[in-house]
Amino acid sequence: MADAICDICGKAVPVHESFIVRIDVFADPNLPPISGEGSANLDTSESMAELLEQMKSMSADDLQDGVHRRFEHRLCAKCQRAFMANPLGLPRQRKSGMN
């Protein structure tokens, strides 16, 4: 059976001993609140023209990142435990008076 390579430490591990991490980053699908008066005054043609003008200067990756991006990584057991303990990789906050 083939080995998988850990995307964090580069260690080769048997595929059946590895972990897959999938991350989906996407725009919140909720629409902003719009009053009845606000929707009546909304000019969709003008809004669409403005949006298309903004998009002209954006790359395909920029446009994709504004909607949805999926990442998939394979990890060894050691890196999986470390990832689960701190998935965002944020610095640990030390509380005053704590060692």
N, C-alpha and C. Protein backbone atom coordinates (compact mmCIF):
# COMPACT_ATOMS: atom_id res chain seq x y z
N MET A 1 0.85 -1.18 0.00
CA MET A 1 0.00 0.00 0.00
C MET A 1 0.89 1.25 0.00
N ALA A 2 0.46 2.27 -0.67
CA ALA A 2 1.24 3.50 -0.81
C ALA A 2 1.25 4.30 0.49
N ASP A 3 2.29 5.10 0.64
CA ASP A 3 2.38 5.99 1.78
C ASP A 3 1.78 7.34 1.44
N ALA A 4 1.33 8.02 2.47
CA ALA A 4 0.90 9.40 2.35
C ALA A 4 1.99 10.27 2.97
N ILE A 5 2.10 11.48 2.52
CA ILE A 5 3.08 12.41 3.06
C ILE A 5 2.33 13.46 3.88
N CYS A 6 2.72 13.62 5.14
CA CYS A 6 2.10 14.62 6.01
C CYS A 6 2.39 16.01 5.45
N ASP A 7 1.35 16.80 5.28
CA ASP A 7 1.50 18.14 4.72
C ASP A 7 2.13 19.13 5.70
N ILE A 8 2.26 18.75 6.97
CA ILE A 8 2.89 19.65 7.93
C ILE A 8 4.36 19.29 8.13
N CYS A 9 4.64 18.03 8.48
CA CYS A 9 6.03 17.67 8.81
C CYS A 9 6.76 16.93 7.70
N GLY A 10 6.03 16.48 6.66
CA GLY A 10 6.67 15.80 5.54
C GLY A 10 6.95 14.33 5.78
N LYS A 11 6.53 13.80 6.91
CA LYS A 11 6.77 12.39 7.24
C LYS A 11 5.89 11.48 6.36
N ALA A 12 6.47 10.38 5.89
CA ALA A 12 5.70 9.39 5.13
C ALA A 12 5.02 8.45 6.12
N VAL A 13 3.73 8.25 5.95
CA VAL A 13 2.96 7.33 6.79
C VAL A 13 2.05 6.50 5.90
N PRO A 14 1.73 5.26 6.31
CA PRO A 14 0.78 4.47 5.53
C PRO A 14 -0.55 5.23 5.40
N VAL A 15 -1.16 5.17 4.25
CA VAL A 15 -2.40 5.91 4.00
C VAL A 15 -3.44 5.63 5.08
N HIS A 16 -3.57 4.36 5.48
CA HIS A 16 -4.61 4.01 6.45
C HIS A 16 -4.30 4.54 7.86
N GLU A 17 -3.12 5.11 8.08
CA GLU A 17 -2.77 5.70 9.37
C GLU A 17 -2.77 7.23 9.32
N SER A 18 -3.14 7.79 8.20
CA SER A 18 -3.12 9.25 8.05
C SER A 18 -4.52 9.82 8.30
N PHE A 19 -4.56 11.13 8.44
CA PHE A 19 -5.81 11.85 8.66
C PHE A 19 -5.98 12.88 7.55
N ILE A 20 -7.21 13.08 7.13
CA ILE A 20 -7.51 14.08 6.10
C ILE A 20 -8.20 15.25 6.78
N VAL A 21 -7.68 16.43 6.54
CA VAL A 21 -8.28 17.66 7.05
C VAL A 21 -8.83 18.42 5.85
N ARG A 22 -10.12 18.71 5.89
CA ARG A 22 -10.75 19.52 4.83
C ARG A 22 -11.22 20.82 5.45
N ILE A 23 -10.91 21.90 4.77
CA ILE A 23 -11.31 23.22 5.24
C ILE A 23 -12.08 23.90 4.11
N ASP A 24 -13.30 24.32 4.41
CA ASP A 24 -14.11 25.08 3.47
C ASP A 24 -14.20 26.50 3.98
N VAL A 25 -13.84 27.45 3.13
CA VAL A 25 -13.96 28.86 3.46
C VAL A 25 -14.94 29.45 2.45
N PHE A 26 -16.03 30.00 2.97
CA PHE A 26 -17.03 30.53 2.04
C PHE A 26 -17.73 31.74 2.63
N ALA A 27 -18.26 32.55 1.74
CA ALA A 27 -18.98 33.75 2.14
C ALA A 27 -20.26 33.34 2.86
N ASP A 28 -20.59 34.08 3.90
CA ASP A 28 -21.82 33.81 4.63
C ASP A 28 -23.00 33.98 3.66
N PRO A 29 -23.87 32.98 3.57
CA PRO A 29 -24.96 33.06 2.59
C PRO A 29 -26.13 33.94 3.02
N ASN A 30 -26.11 34.46 4.25
CA ASN A 30 -27.21 35.31 4.71
C ASN A 30 -27.16 36.66 4.03
N LEU A 31 -28.31 37.11 3.61
CA LEU A 31 -28.41 38.43 2.98
C LEU A 31 -28.51 39.50 4.05
N PRO A 32 -27.99 40.69 3.77
CA PRO A 32 -28.14 41.77 4.75
C PRO A 32 -29.62 42.17 4.86
N PRO A 33 -30.02 42.67 6.01
CA PRO A 33 -31.43 43.08 6.14
C PRO A 33 -31.75 44.24 5.21
N ILE A 34 -32.87 44.12 4.53
CA ILE A 34 -33.32 45.18 3.62
C ILE A 34 -34.78 45.47 3.96
N SER A 35 -35.07 46.74 4.19
CA SER A 35 -36.45 47.13 4.49
C SER A 35 -37.26 47.13 3.20
N GLY A 36 -38.57 47.17 3.34
CA GLY A 36 -39.44 47.24 2.17
C GLY A 36 -39.14 48.46 1.33
N GLU A 37 -38.88 49.58 2.00
CA GLU A 37 -38.55 50.81 1.30
C GLU A 37 -37.19 50.69 0.60
N GLY A 38 -36.25 50.04 1.28
CA GLY A 38 -34.92 49.84 0.70
C GLY A 38 -34.95 48.98 -0.54
N SER A 39 -35.76 47.93 -0.52
CA SER A 39 -35.84 47.07 -1.70
C SER A 39 -36.58 47.75 -2.84
N ALA A 40 -37.51 48.61 -2.53
CA ALA A 40 -38.24 49.35 -3.58
C ALA A 40 -37.31 50.34 -4.28
N ASN A 41 -36.34 50.88 -3.54
CA ASN A 41 -35.42 51.87 -4.11
C ASN A 41 -34.18 51.25 -4.71
N LEU A 42 -34.05 49.95 -4.65
CA LEU A 42 -32.86 49.27 -5.15
C LEU A 42 -32.86 49.21 -6.68
N ASP A 43 -31.81 49.73 -7.27
CA ASP A 43 -31.64 49.68 -8.72
C ASP A 43 -30.70 48.54 -9.05
N THR A 44 -31.26 47.39 -9.41
CA THR A 44 -30.44 46.20 -9.64
C THR A 44 -29.53 46.36 -10.85
N SER A 45 -29.95 47.07 -11.86
CA SER A 45 -29.10 47.27 -13.04
C SER A 45 -27.86 48.07 -12.68
N GLU A 46 -28.03 49.11 -11.90
CA GLU A 46 -26.90 49.93 -11.48
C GLU A 46 -25.98 49.14 -10.54
N SER A 47 -26.58 48.40 -9.62
CA SER A 47 -25.78 47.59 -8.69
C SER A 47 -24.97 46.55 -9.43
N MET A 48 -25.56 45.92 -10.43
CA MET A 48 -24.86 44.90 -11.21
C MET A 48 -23.73 45.53 -12.03
N ALA A 49 -23.97 46.69 -12.58
CA ALA A 49 -22.93 47.39 -13.36
C ALA A 49 -21.75 47.75 -12.46
N GLU A 50 -22.02 48.22 -11.24
CA GLU A 50 -20.96 48.55 -10.29
C GLU A 50 -20.16 47.30 -9.91
N LEU A 51 -20.87 46.21 -9.66
CA LEU A 51 -20.22 44.96 -9.30
C LEU A 51 -19.32 44.46 -10.43
N LEU A 52 -19.81 44.49 -11.66
CA LEU A 52 -19.02 44.05 -12.81
C LEU A 52 -17.78 44.94 -13.00
N GLU A 53 -17.93 46.22 -12.73
CA GLU A 53 -16.78 47.13 -12.84
C GLU A 53 -15.71 46.78 -11.80
N GLN A 54 -16.13 46.48 -10.57
CA GLN A 54 -15.19 46.07 -9.52
C GLN A 54 -14.49 44.76 -9.89
N MET A 55 -15.22 43.85 -10.50
CA MET A 55 -14.69 42.53 -10.84
C MET A 55 -13.63 42.59 -11.95
N LYS A 56 -13.67 43.61 -12.77
CA LYS A 56 -12.72 43.72 -13.89
C LYS A 56 -11.27 43.72 -13.42
N SER A 57 -11.02 44.31 -12.25
CA SER A 57 -9.64 44.40 -11.77
C SER A 57 -9.24 43.22 -10.88
N MET A 58 -10.11 42.24 -10.75
CA MET A 58 -9.82 41.10 -9.87
C MET A 58 -9.40 39.88 -10.69
N SER A 59 -8.49 39.09 -10.11
CA SER A 59 -8.06 37.85 -10.77
C SER A 59 -9.11 36.76 -10.53
N ALA A 60 -8.99 35.68 -11.28
CA ALA A 60 -9.90 34.55 -11.08
C ALA A 60 -9.79 34.01 -9.66
N ASP A 61 -8.57 33.96 -9.11
CA ASP A 61 -8.38 33.50 -7.73
C ASP A 61 -9.05 34.44 -6.73
N ASP A 62 -8.92 35.74 -6.96
CA ASP A 62 -9.57 36.71 -6.07
C ASP A 62 -11.09 36.53 -6.08
N LEU A 63 -11.63 36.33 -7.27
CA LEU A 63 -13.08 36.13 -7.39
C LEU A 63 -13.51 34.83 -6.70
N GLN A 64 -12.74 33.77 -6.91
CA GLN A 64 -13.05 32.48 -6.29
C GLN A 64 -12.98 32.59 -4.77
N ASP A 65 -11.93 33.25 -4.26
CA ASP A 65 -11.75 33.37 -2.81
C ASP A 65 -12.88 34.16 -2.17
N GLY A 66 -13.52 35.03 -2.91
CA GLY A 66 -14.65 35.80 -2.39
C GLY A 66 -15.92 35.01 -2.27
N VAL A 67 -15.94 33.80 -2.82
CA VAL A 67 -17.14 32.98 -2.80
C VAL A 67 -16.90 31.69 -2.02
N HIS A 68 -15.94 30.88 -2.46
CA HIS A 68 -15.70 29.59 -1.83
C HIS A 68 -14.31 29.08 -2.18
N ARG A 69 -13.66 28.50 -1.21
CA ARG A 69 -12.37 27.85 -1.44
C ARG A 69 -12.31 26.64 -0.52
N ARG A 70 -11.86 25.52 -1.05
CA ARG A 70 -11.73 24.28 -0.27
C ARG A 70 -10.28 23.86 -0.28
N PHE A 71 -9.79 23.50 0.91
CA PHE A 71 -8.44 22.99 1.07
C PHE A 71 -8.53 21.57 1.63
N GLU A 72 -7.62 20.73 1.21
CA GLU A 72 -7.55 19.37 1.75
C GLU A 72 -6.10 19.05 2.04
N HIS A 73 -5.84 18.59 3.27
CA HIS A 73 -4.49 18.26 3.69
C HIS A 73 -4.48 16.88 4.35
N ARG A 74 -3.38 16.18 4.20
CA ARG A 74 -3.21 14.88 4.84
C ARG A 74 -2.17 15.04 5.94
N LEU A 75 -2.50 14.50 7.14
CA LEU A 75 -1.63 14.66 8.30
C LEU A 75 -1.29 13.32 8.92
N CYS A 76 -0.11 13.26 9.54
CA CYS A 76 0.25 12.09 10.34
C CYS A 76 -0.46 12.23 11.69
N ALA A 77 -0.42 11.19 12.52
CA ALA A 77 -1.13 11.21 13.79
C ALA A 77 -0.62 12.31 14.72
N LYS A 78 0.69 12.51 14.78
CA LYS A 78 1.26 13.53 15.67
C LYS A 78 0.79 14.92 15.25
N CYS A 79 0.86 15.22 13.98
CA CYS A 79 0.44 16.54 13.50
C CYS A 79 -1.07 16.72 13.62
N GLN A 80 -1.82 15.63 13.46
CA GLN A 80 -3.28 15.70 13.62
C GLN A 80 -3.63 16.10 15.04
N ARG A 81 -2.97 15.53 16.04
CA ARG A 81 -3.24 15.88 17.44
C ARG A 81 -2.91 17.36 17.70
N ALA A 82 -1.79 17.81 17.17
CA ALA A 82 -1.41 19.22 17.33
C ALA A 82 -2.42 20.13 16.64
N PHE A 83 -2.87 19.74 15.47
CA PHE A 83 -3.85 20.53 14.72
C PHE A 83 -5.16 20.61 15.50
N MET A 84 -5.62 19.48 16.03
CA MET A 84 -6.87 19.45 16.78
C MET A 84 -6.79 20.31 18.05
N ALA A 85 -5.62 20.39 18.66
CA ALA A 85 -5.46 21.19 19.86
C ALA A 85 -5.51 22.69 19.58
N ASN A 86 -5.15 23.09 18.37
CA ASN A 86 -5.11 24.50 18.03
C ASN A 86 -5.30 24.66 16.52
N PRO A 87 -6.51 24.42 16.00
CA PRO A 87 -6.71 24.39 14.54
C PRO A 87 -6.43 25.69 13.81
N LEU A 88 -6.54 26.82 14.48
CA LEU A 88 -6.27 28.09 13.82
C LEU A 88 -4.83 28.54 13.98
N GLY A 89 -4.04 27.79 14.76
CA GLY A 89 -2.64 28.14 14.94
C GLY A 89 -2.45 29.46 15.68
N LEU A 90 -3.41 29.83 16.50
CA LEU A 90 -3.31 31.09 17.23
C LEU A 90 -2.32 30.97 18.38
N PRO A 91 -1.65 32.07 18.72
CA PRO A 91 -0.73 32.02 19.86
C PRO A 91 -1.51 31.75 21.14
N ARG A 92 -0.92 30.99 22.00
CA ARG A 92 -1.55 30.69 23.29
C ARG A 92 -1.53 31.95 24.14
N GLN A 93 -2.64 32.23 24.79
CA GLN A 93 -2.74 33.38 25.68
C GLN A 93 -2.35 32.94 27.08
N ARG A 94 -1.35 33.56 27.64
CA ARG A 94 -0.92 33.23 28.99
C ARG A 94 -1.64 34.15 29.96
N LYS A 95 -2.32 33.56 30.94
CA LYS A 95 -3.06 34.36 31.91
C LYS A 95 -2.10 34.88 32.98
N SER A 96 -2.36 36.05 33.43
CA SER A 96 -1.53 36.68 34.46
C SER A 96 -1.51 35.80 35.71
N GLY A 97 -0.32 35.57 36.25
CA GLY A 97 -0.17 34.76 37.44
C GLY A 97 -0.10 33.27 37.19
N MET A 98 -0.18 32.84 35.94
CA MET A 98 -0.12 31.42 35.59
C MET A 98 1.28 31.09 35.09
N ASN A 99 1.76 29.92 35.44
CA ASN A 99 3.08 29.48 34.95
C ASN A 99 2.94 28.73 33.67
